[in-house]
Amino acid sequence: MSTSILQRFLLEDLDIRGAFVRLDDVWQALLATRNYPSTVRDLLGAMSAVASVIGGNLKQAGRLTIQLQGHGPVSLLVVDVTEALNLRGYAKTSDEVAGKVSIADLVGDGQLLLTLDMPGLRHPYQSYVPIEGNSVAEIFEHYLTQSEQQPAALHTAASSRGAACLFLQKLPDADRKDPDGWDRITRLAATVREEELLGLPAEELLIRLFHQETVRLLDAREVTHDWPQDWDKVRDMLRSLGRSELEAMLEEHGEILIHDDLSNHEYRFDAEDVAALFAEPPAEPRILH
């Protein structure tokens, strides 16, 4: 059972909805064999937690991808989550990152692209997210407020042991139910500490923050990192390069190493493996009559 959970909730008397996600085992899987500078690690963690919150709103089969590209120390950061909250992600970075720096310092003149791909869509839906703010929370707080026409508030935290996000959204009847409710709740949420986001169970955290409010917990959902290796796909890709090209690579490097950055898998092929690729014919495609 995953220890990474998305907990949605309602502040019923105020018409405010929210979600809290904490990534524990999933975060450890994303970090496995990777040695990111702490600033890059925390950026990936915050982005992964926010992606899980947004992905939790997908009502049908689909995939949400958040891609950050730039010309700073972080040239590429990708987080990908399905409607079932199956998450993966990685960052491509140089060795130039040192100390705490802003997101603008990390990506330079970067672009943040959100892509939603769902069955039935002729083309994936894409939206550029303005990089307005000094943190992932500020950027997506502004974006979600503008795109959904309802005020939103986000708080994120990330470290080597976990990543988390607290999300709040004001719904249309909030002012009618309590004109001061949204301001009160956002002030309370702003008191949350990183160690609370990373250490407290969802129910305890919400009660601690909003103990004078009526909090209704909705069904909790597991976040997973379940992306098995796909050897057949890699073998087909290598066959498409041709035997002479593969043998040249073996001559130069001694082996062929394929790294799937997004799913965090390595595939190694030696001379015997390459020979086997061409000794057996690839599986014939199944023809339907």
Foldseek 3Di string as FASTA:
>chain_A
DAPWKKWKKALVLQQKIKIKTKHFVQLLQQCPPHDDDFQVSWQLQQVQQVLLRVLCPDPDWKKKKKWKAADAQWGIKIWMATNQQAIWIDTDGDPPDDDDDFPCNHGPPMWIKMWIGDPPDPDIDIDIQDPPDRGPQVSVQVVCCVVVVWHKGKDWADGSRMIMMMIMTHDDCRCVSPVCVVVQLNVLVVPDDRCCSHPPDPVVSCCVSPVVTDMGIDDMHHRHHDDDDDVLVVLVVVVVVPLVVLVVVCVVPVWDWDADSGSGDIDIGGPVNSVVSPVDDPDDDDDDD
